[in-house]
Amino acid sequence: AYENVAFAMQITEATPKEIRRQVPMALALVGLSRKADMYPGQLSGGEQQRIALARAIVNNPVLLVADEPTGNLDPETTWEIMKLLSEINHRGTTVVVATHEKSIVDALKKRVIAIDRGLIVRDEQKGTYENESKNYKVYR
């Protein structure tokens, strides 16, 4: 897991000292410090997803785009991942989540932007998941 996360820093030409400092912090944030010596095949699906998040945040991005980050996870792991994304957002990274999971959207009460055929059809600050077709204003 350590090497997997470190790779994201190596390709940005971070110094070995920076890597030794940042990677353990990223692993700690996602709760996988104890799994640092493990390979991806030795990790559960949820742990692999958390390693992917650690790799995504280790370089302190301004923006994190998560496309269906909980797609194949059980409900408990789904909420662990969503809590991590909320913590990452709380630390200053803008997090954009693309999902079809109604329960996630409804529970978070965050900004919801609905897109239909490439056009924004809804933009609500504390929105919910809506599946019905409505006469939304189309934003261009």
N, C-alpha and C. Protein backbone atom coordinates (compact mmCIF):
# COMPACT_ATOMS: atom_id res chain seq x y z
N ALA A 1 0.82 -1.19 0.00
CA ALA A 1 0.00 0.00 0.00
C ALA A 1 0.87 1.26 0.00
N TYR A 2 1.96 1.22 0.77
CA TYR A 2 2.86 2.38 0.84
C TYR A 2 3.38 2.72 -0.56
N GLU A 3 3.90 1.71 -1.27
CA GLU A 3 4.46 1.95 -2.60
C GLU A 3 3.40 2.46 -3.57
N ASN A 4 2.18 1.95 -3.43
CA ASN A 4 1.08 2.35 -4.29
C ASN A 4 0.81 3.85 -4.13
N VAL A 5 0.76 4.32 -2.88
CA VAL A 5 0.51 5.74 -2.61
C VAL A 5 1.74 6.57 -2.96
N ALA A 6 2.93 6.06 -2.66
CA ALA A 6 4.16 6.79 -2.96
C ALA A 6 4.32 7.04 -4.46
N PHE A 7 3.83 6.11 -5.27
CA PHE A 7 3.95 6.26 -6.72
C PHE A 7 3.32 7.57 -7.21
N ALA A 8 2.20 7.95 -6.59
CA ALA A 8 1.54 9.21 -6.98
C ALA A 8 2.44 10.41 -6.74
N MET A 9 3.32 10.31 -5.76
CA MET A 9 4.25 11.42 -5.50
C MET A 9 5.49 11.31 -6.38
N GLN A 10 5.93 10.09 -6.64
CA GLN A 10 7.12 9.89 -7.47
C GLN A 10 6.92 10.46 -8.87
N ILE A 11 5.73 10.30 -9.42
CA ILE A 11 5.51 10.80 -10.78
C ILE A 11 5.44 12.32 -10.84
N THR A 12 5.27 12.96 -9.67
CA THR A 12 5.30 14.43 -9.62
C THR A 12 6.68 14.93 -9.23
N GLU A 13 7.63 13.99 -9.17
CA GLU A 13 9.03 14.29 -8.85
C GLU A 13 9.20 14.86 -7.45
N ALA A 14 8.39 14.38 -6.51
CA ALA A 14 8.56 14.75 -5.11
C ALA A 14 9.87 14.14 -4.60
N THR A 15 10.47 14.78 -3.64
CA THR A 15 11.72 14.27 -3.08
C THR A 15 11.43 13.06 -2.19
N PRO A 16 12.41 12.19 -2.01
CA PRO A 16 12.21 11.05 -1.10
C PRO A 16 11.80 11.50 0.30
N LYS A 17 12.34 12.62 0.75
CA LYS A 17 11.98 13.13 2.08
C LYS A 17 10.50 13.51 2.13
N GLU A 18 10.01 14.19 1.08
CA GLU A 18 8.59 14.56 1.02
C GLU A 18 7.71 13.31 1.01
N ILE A 19 8.14 12.31 0.25
CA ILE A 19 7.38 11.06 0.16
C ILE A 19 7.31 10.38 1.52
N ARG A 20 8.45 10.30 2.21
CA ARG A 20 8.49 9.66 3.54
C ARG A 20 7.62 10.40 4.55
N ARG A 21 7.42 11.69 4.35
CA ARG A 21 6.60 12.48 5.26
C ARG A 21 5.11 12.37 4.90
N GLN A 22 4.78 12.50 3.62
CA GLN A 22 3.38 12.59 3.19
C GLN A 22 2.64 11.25 3.14
N VAL A 23 3.32 10.21 2.66
CA VAL A 23 2.62 8.92 2.47
C VAL A 23 2.07 8.37 3.79
N PRO A 24 2.86 8.34 4.87
CA PRO A 24 2.28 7.85 6.13
C PRO A 24 1.08 8.68 6.60
N MET A 25 1.11 9.98 6.35
CA MET A 25 -0.02 10.82 6.75
C MET A 25 -1.26 10.47 5.93
N ALA A 26 -1.09 10.24 4.63
CA ALA A 26 -2.23 9.88 3.78
C ALA A 26 -2.79 8.52 4.19
N LEU A 27 -1.91 7.56 4.48
CA LEU A 27 -2.37 6.25 4.93
C LEU A 27 -3.10 6.34 6.27
N ALA A 28 -2.60 7.19 7.15
CA ALA A 28 -3.26 7.38 8.45
C ALA A 28 -4.65 7.99 8.26
N LEU A 29 -4.77 8.95 7.38
CA LEU A 29 -6.06 9.60 7.15
C LEU A 29 -7.11 8.59 6.70
N VAL A 30 -6.72 7.64 5.87
CA VAL A 30 -7.68 6.64 5.38
C VAL A 30 -7.73 5.41 6.27
N GLY A 31 -7.02 5.44 7.40
CA GLY A 31 -7.08 4.36 8.38
C GLY A 31 -6.36 3.09 7.98
N LEU A 32 -5.31 3.22 7.17
CA LEU A 32 -4.61 2.02 6.70
C LEU A 32 -3.11 2.02 7.01
N SER A 33 -2.71 2.70 8.04
CA SER A 33 -1.29 2.71 8.41
C SER A 33 -0.76 1.30 8.63
N ARG A 34 -1.55 0.45 9.22
CA ARG A 34 -1.12 -0.93 9.52
C ARG A 34 -1.00 -1.80 8.28
N LYS A 35 -1.55 -1.34 7.17
CA LYS A 35 -1.53 -2.14 5.94
C LYS A 35 -0.47 -1.65 4.95
N ALA A 36 0.44 -0.82 5.41
CA ALA A 36 1.43 -0.19 4.52
C ALA A 36 2.26 -1.19 3.74
N ASP A 37 2.54 -2.36 4.30
CA ASP A 37 3.39 -3.34 3.63
C ASP A 37 2.62 -4.33 2.76
N MET A 38 1.33 -4.16 2.64
CA MET A 38 0.52 -5.12 1.89
C MET A 38 0.38 -4.72 0.41
N TYR A 39 0.17 -5.74 -0.41
CA TYR A 39 -0.06 -5.54 -1.84
C TYR A 39 -1.57 -5.44 -2.09
N PRO A 40 -1.97 -4.84 -3.22
CA PRO A 40 -3.40 -4.66 -3.49
C PRO A 40 -4.22 -5.96 -3.39
N GLY A 41 -3.68 -7.07 -3.86
CA GLY A 41 -4.39 -8.34 -3.81
C GLY A 41 -4.63 -8.86 -2.40
N GLN A 42 -3.92 -8.31 -1.44
CA GLN A 42 -4.07 -8.71 -0.04
C GLN A 42 -5.09 -7.84 0.70
N LEU A 43 -5.64 -6.86 0.02
CA LEU A 43 -6.57 -5.92 0.64
C LEU A 43 -8.00 -6.20 0.20
N SER A 44 -8.95 -5.89 1.06
CA SER A 44 -10.37 -6.02 0.69
C SER A 44 -10.73 -4.93 -0.32
N GLY A 45 -11.91 -5.04 -0.90
CA GLY A 45 -12.36 -4.02 -1.85
C GLY A 45 -12.44 -2.63 -1.22
N GLY A 46 -12.94 -2.57 0.00
CA GLY A 46 -13.03 -1.29 0.70
C GLY A 46 -11.65 -0.71 1.01
N GLU A 47 -10.72 -1.60 1.39
CA GLU A 47 -9.35 -1.14 1.65
C GLU A 47 -8.69 -0.65 0.36
N GLN A 48 -8.93 -1.35 -0.74
CA GLN A 48 -8.38 -0.90 -2.02
C GLN A 48 -8.93 0.47 -2.39
N GLN A 49 -10.21 0.69 -2.11
CA GLN A 49 -10.82 1.99 -2.40
C GLN A 49 -10.19 3.08 -1.54
N ARG A 50 -9.91 2.76 -0.28
CA ARG A 50 -9.28 3.74 0.60
C ARG A 50 -7.84 4.02 0.18
N ILE A 51 -7.13 3.02 -0.33
CA ILE A 51 -5.78 3.25 -0.86
C ILE A 51 -5.87 4.18 -2.06
N ALA A 52 -6.87 3.98 -2.90
CA ALA A 52 -7.05 4.86 -4.06
C ALA A 52 -7.28 6.30 -3.60
N LEU A 53 -8.04 6.47 -2.52
CA LEU A 53 -8.24 7.82 -1.98
C LEU A 53 -6.94 8.39 -1.44
N ALA A 54 -6.17 7.58 -0.73
CA ALA A 54 -4.87 8.05 -0.22
C ALA A 54 -3.98 8.50 -1.37
N ARG A 55 -3.96 7.70 -2.44
CA ARG A 55 -3.15 8.04 -3.61
C ARG A 55 -3.64 9.35 -4.24
N ALA A 56 -4.95 9.55 -4.23
CA ALA A 56 -5.53 10.76 -4.83
C ALA A 56 -5.25 12.01 -4.01
N ILE A 57 -5.11 11.88 -2.70
CA ILE A 57 -4.95 13.07 -1.85
C ILE A 57 -3.53 13.33 -1.40
N VAL A 58 -2.62 12.39 -1.64
CA VAL A 58 -1.27 12.52 -1.08
C VAL A 58 -0.55 13.78 -1.58
N ASN A 59 -0.91 14.26 -2.75
CA ASN A 59 -0.29 15.48 -3.29
C ASN A 59 -1.10 16.74 -2.98
N ASN A 60 -2.03 16.64 -2.03
CA ASN A 60 -2.85 17.78 -1.60
C ASN A 60 -3.54 18.50 -2.76
N PRO A 61 -4.40 17.80 -3.49
CA PRO A 61 -5.06 18.43 -4.63
C PRO A 61 -6.08 19.48 -4.19
N VAL A 62 -6.34 20.42 -5.07
CA VAL A 62 -7.38 21.42 -4.83
C VAL A 62 -8.74 20.80 -5.11
N LEU A 63 -8.79 19.87 -6.06
CA LEU A 63 -10.03 19.25 -6.51
C LEU A 63 -9.86 17.74 -6.57
N LEU A 64 -10.85 17.02 -6.07
CA LEU A 64 -10.88 15.56 -6.16
C LEU A 64 -12.21 15.17 -6.81
N VAL A 65 -12.13 14.47 -7.93
CA VAL A 65 -13.33 13.99 -8.62
C VAL A 65 -13.46 12.50 -8.35
N ALA A 66 -14.57 12.10 -7.74
CA ALA A 66 -14.80 10.69 -7.40
C ALA A 66 -16.00 10.19 -8.20
N ASP A 67 -15.74 9.36 -9.19
CA ASP A 67 -16.79 8.83 -10.05
C ASP A 67 -17.26 7.49 -9.50
N GLU A 68 -18.47 7.46 -8.96
CA GLU A 68 -19.05 6.26 -8.34
C GLU A 68 -18.06 5.63 -7.35
N PRO A 69 -17.62 6.38 -6.33
CA PRO A 69 -16.60 5.87 -5.42
C PRO A 69 -17.04 4.71 -4.55
N THR A 70 -18.34 4.44 -4.50
CA THR A 70 -18.84 3.35 -3.65
C THR A 70 -19.55 2.29 -4.47
N GLY A 71 -19.32 2.28 -5.77
CA GLY A 71 -20.06 1.43 -6.69
C GLY A 71 -20.23 -0.02 -6.32
N ASN A 72 -19.18 -0.71 -5.90
CA ASN A 72 -19.28 -2.14 -5.62
C ASN A 72 -19.03 -2.47 -4.16
N LEU A 73 -19.36 -1.54 -3.27
CA LEU A 73 -19.06 -1.73 -1.86
C LEU A 73 -20.32 -2.02 -1.05
N ASP A 74 -20.14 -2.73 0.06
CA ASP A 74 -21.26 -2.99 0.96
C ASP A 74 -21.65 -1.69 1.66
N PRO A 75 -22.86 -1.64 2.25
CA PRO A 75 -23.34 -0.39 2.86
C PRO A 75 -22.41 0.19 3.93
N GLU A 76 -21.84 -0.64 4.78
CA GLU A 76 -20.96 -0.13 5.83
C GLU A 76 -19.71 0.53 5.23
N THR A 77 -19.10 -0.14 4.28
CA THR A 77 -17.90 0.40 3.63
C THR A 77 -18.24 1.65 2.83
N THR A 78 -19.43 1.66 2.22
CA THR A 78 -19.88 2.84 1.48
C THR A 78 -19.84 4.07 2.37
N TRP A 79 -20.37 3.95 3.59
CA TRP A 79 -20.41 5.11 4.48
C TRP A 79 -19.03 5.46 5.02
N GLU A 80 -18.14 4.47 5.15
CA GLU A 80 -16.75 4.77 5.54
C GLU A 80 -16.10 5.64 4.46
N ILE A 81 -16.31 5.27 3.20
CA ILE A 81 -15.73 6.04 2.09
C ILE A 81 -16.33 7.44 2.05
N MET A 82 -17.63 7.55 2.25
CA MET A 82 -18.26 8.87 2.22
C MET A 82 -17.78 9.74 3.38
N LYS A 83 -17.55 9.14 4.55
CA LYS A 83 -16.99 9.90 5.68
C LYS A 83 -15.59 10.40 5.34
N LEU A 84 -14.80 9.55 4.69
CA LEU A 84 -13.46 9.97 4.27
C LEU A 84 -13.53 11.14 3.29
N LEU A 85 -14.43 11.04 2.32
CA LEU A 85 -14.57 12.13 1.35
C LEU A 85 -15.01 13.41 2.04
N SER A 86 -15.88 13.30 3.03
CA SER A 86 -16.30 14.48 3.80
C SER A 86 -15.13 15.08 4.57
N GLU A 87 -14.30 14.22 5.16
CA GLU A 87 -13.12 14.70 5.90
C GLU A 87 -12.13 15.39 4.95
N ILE A 88 -11.93 14.81 3.78
CA ILE A 88 -11.05 15.42 2.78
C ILE A 88 -11.58 16.79 2.40
N ASN A 89 -12.89 16.89 2.21
CA ASN A 89 -13.52 18.17 1.90
C ASN A 89 -13.35 19.15 3.06
N HIS A 90 -13.54 18.68 4.26
CA HIS A 90 -13.40 19.52 5.46
C HIS A 90 -11.97 20.08 5.57
N ARG A 91 -10.99 19.34 5.07
CA ARG A 91 -9.59 19.78 5.12
C ARG A 91 -9.22 20.74 3.99
N GLY A 92 -10.19 21.07 3.13
CA GLY A 92 -9.95 22.11 2.15
C GLY A 92 -9.96 21.71 0.69
N THR A 93 -10.11 20.43 0.40
CA THR A 93 -10.16 19.97 -0.98
C THR A 93 -11.62 19.98 -1.45
N THR A 94 -11.87 20.56 -2.62
CA THR A 94 -13.20 20.48 -3.20
C THR A 94 -13.40 19.05 -3.70
N VAL A 95 -14.49 18.42 -3.29
CA VAL A 95 -14.76 17.04 -3.67
C VAL A 95 -16.03 17.01 -4.52
N VAL A 96 -15.91 16.47 -5.73
CA VAL A 96 -17.05 16.30 -6.62
C VAL A 96 -17.31 14.80 -6.71
N VAL A 97 -18.51 14.38 -6.33
CA VAL A 97 -18.88 12.97 -6.37
C VAL A 97 -19.96 12.77 -7.42
N ALA A 98 -19.70 11.88 -8.36
CA ALA A 98 -20.71 11.49 -9.34
C ALA A 98 -21.28 10.16 -8.87
N THR A 99 -22.59 10.11 -8.62
CA THR A 99 -23.20 8.88 -8.12
C THR A 99 -24.66 8.79 -8.51
N HIS A 100 -25.14 7.56 -8.54
CA HIS A 100 -26.56 7.29 -8.73
C HIS A 100 -27.17 6.75 -7.43
N GLU A 101 -26.40 6.79 -6.35
CA GLU A 101 -26.84 6.27 -5.05
C GLU A 101 -27.73 7.29 -4.33
N LYS A 102 -29.03 7.08 -4.41
CA LYS A 102 -30.00 7.99 -3.79
C LYS A 102 -29.73 8.20 -2.31
N SER A 103 -29.43 7.13 -1.59
CA SER A 103 -29.23 7.24 -0.14
C SER A 103 -28.06 8.15 0.21
N ILE A 104 -27.02 8.12 -0.59
CA ILE A 104 -25.85 8.98 -0.35
C ILE A 104 -26.23 10.44 -0.57
N VAL A 105 -26.82 10.72 -1.70
CA VAL A 105 -27.18 12.10 -2.05
C VAL A 105 -28.14 12.67 -1.01
N ASP A 106 -29.16 11.90 -0.66
CA ASP A 106 -30.16 12.38 0.29
C ASP A 106 -29.58 12.60 1.68
N ALA A 107 -28.67 11.75 2.12
CA ALA A 107 -28.10 11.86 3.46
C ALA A 107 -27.11 13.02 3.59
N LEU A 108 -26.36 13.30 2.54
CA LEU A 108 -25.32 14.32 2.64
C LEU A 108 -25.87 15.74 2.64
N LYS A 109 -26.98 15.96 1.95
CA LYS A 109 -27.57 17.30 1.88
C LYS A 109 -26.55 18.35 1.43
N LYS A 110 -25.79 18.00 0.42
CA LYS A 110 -24.81 18.91 -0.16
C LYS A 110 -25.34 19.42 -1.50
N ARG A 111 -24.55 20.24 -2.15
CA ARG A 111 -24.95 20.76 -3.46
C ARG A 111 -25.14 19.61 -4.44
N VAL A 112 -26.25 19.64 -5.14
CA VAL A 112 -26.58 18.63 -6.14
C VAL A 112 -26.74 19.31 -7.48
N ILE A 113 -25.99 18.82 -8.45
CA ILE A 113 -26.11 19.29 -9.83
C ILE A 113 -26.54 18.09 -10.65
N ALA A 114 -27.70 18.18 -11.29
CA ALA A 114 -28.21 17.10 -12.13
C ALA A 114 -27.92 17.44 -13.58
N ILE A 115 -27.42 16.45 -14.30
CA ILE A 115 -27.07 16.63 -15.71
C ILE A 115 -27.89 15.64 -16.53
N ASP A 116 -28.50 16.13 -17.59
CA ASP A 116 -29.29 15.30 -18.48
C ASP A 116 -28.86 15.59 -19.91
N ARG A 117 -28.38 14.57 -20.58
CA ARG A 117 -27.91 14.69 -21.97
C ARG A 117 -26.87 15.80 -22.13
N GLY A 118 -25.98 15.89 -21.15
CA GLY A 118 -24.89 16.85 -21.23
C GLY A 118 -25.22 18.26 -20.78
N LEU A 119 -26.45 18.49 -20.35
CA LEU A 119 -26.86 19.82 -19.90
C LEU A 119 -27.21 19.80 -18.42
N ILE A 120 -26.84 20.86 -17.71
CA ILE A 120 -27.23 20.99 -16.31
C ILE A 120 -28.71 21.32 -16.27
N VAL A 121 -29.48 20.47 -15.59
CA VAL A 121 -30.93 20.68 -15.51
C VAL A 121 -31.37 21.05 -14.10
N ARG A 122 -30.47 20.94 -13.13
CA ARG A 122 -30.82 21.29 -11.75
C ARG A 122 -29.54 21.59 -10.99
N ASP A 123 -29.60 22.62 -10.15
CA ASP A 123 -28.47 23.00 -9.31
C ASP A 123 -29.03 23.52 -7.99
N GLU A 124 -28.94 22.70 -6.94
CA GLU A 124 -29.49 23.06 -5.63
C GLU A 124 -28.40 22.97 -4.57
N GLN A 125 -28.34 23.97 -3.69
CA GLN A 125 -27.30 24.01 -2.66
C GLN A 125 -27.41 22.85 -1.66
N LYS A 126 -28.59 22.52 -1.22
CA LYS A 126 -28.77 21.40 -0.29
C LYS A 126 -29.81 20.47 -0.89
N GLY A 127 -29.44 19.85 -1.97
CA GLY A 127 -30.39 19.08 -2.75
C GLY A 127 -30.55 17.65 -2.32
N THR A 128 -31.47 16.99 -2.99
CA THR A 128 -31.73 15.58 -2.80
C THR A 128 -31.73 14.92 -4.17
N TYR A 129 -31.74 13.61 -4.15
CA TYR A 129 -31.78 12.86 -5.39
C TYR A 129 -33.21 12.85 -5.90
N GLU A 130 -33.41 13.24 -7.12
CA GLU A 130 -34.74 13.23 -7.72
C GLU A 130 -34.68 12.42 -8.99
N ASN A 131 -35.58 11.48 -9.11
CA ASN A 131 -35.58 10.59 -10.26
C ASN A 131 -36.66 10.95 -11.27
N GLU A 132 -37.63 11.75 -10.84
CA GLU A 132 -38.72 12.08 -11.75
C GLU A 132 -38.28 13.12 -12.78
N SER A 133 -38.88 13.04 -13.93
CA SER A 133 -38.64 14.07 -14.94
C SER A 133 -39.48 15.29 -14.59
N LYS A 134 -38.85 16.41 -14.51
CA LYS A 134 -39.57 17.65 -14.23
C LYS A 134 -39.19 18.66 -15.30
N ASN A 135 -39.92 19.73 -15.34
CA ASN A 135 -39.60 20.79 -16.28
C ASN A 135 -38.55 21.71 -15.66
N TYR A 136 -37.32 21.25 -15.65
CA TYR A 136 -36.24 22.04 -15.09
C TYR A 136 -35.76 23.08 -16.09
N LYS A 137 -35.27 24.16 -15.55
CA LYS A 137 -34.61 25.16 -16.39
C LYS A 137 -33.28 24.55 -16.83
N VAL A 138 -32.97 24.67 -18.09
CA VAL A 138 -31.70 24.15 -18.60
C VAL A 138 -30.67 25.27 -18.56
N TYR A 139 -29.52 24.99 -17.92
CA TYR A 139 -28.44 25.97 -17.81
C TYR A 139 -27.45 25.73 -18.93
N ARG A 140 -27.13 26.77 -19.67
CA ARG A 140 -26.16 26.62 -20.76
C ARG A 140 -24.96 27.48 -20.51
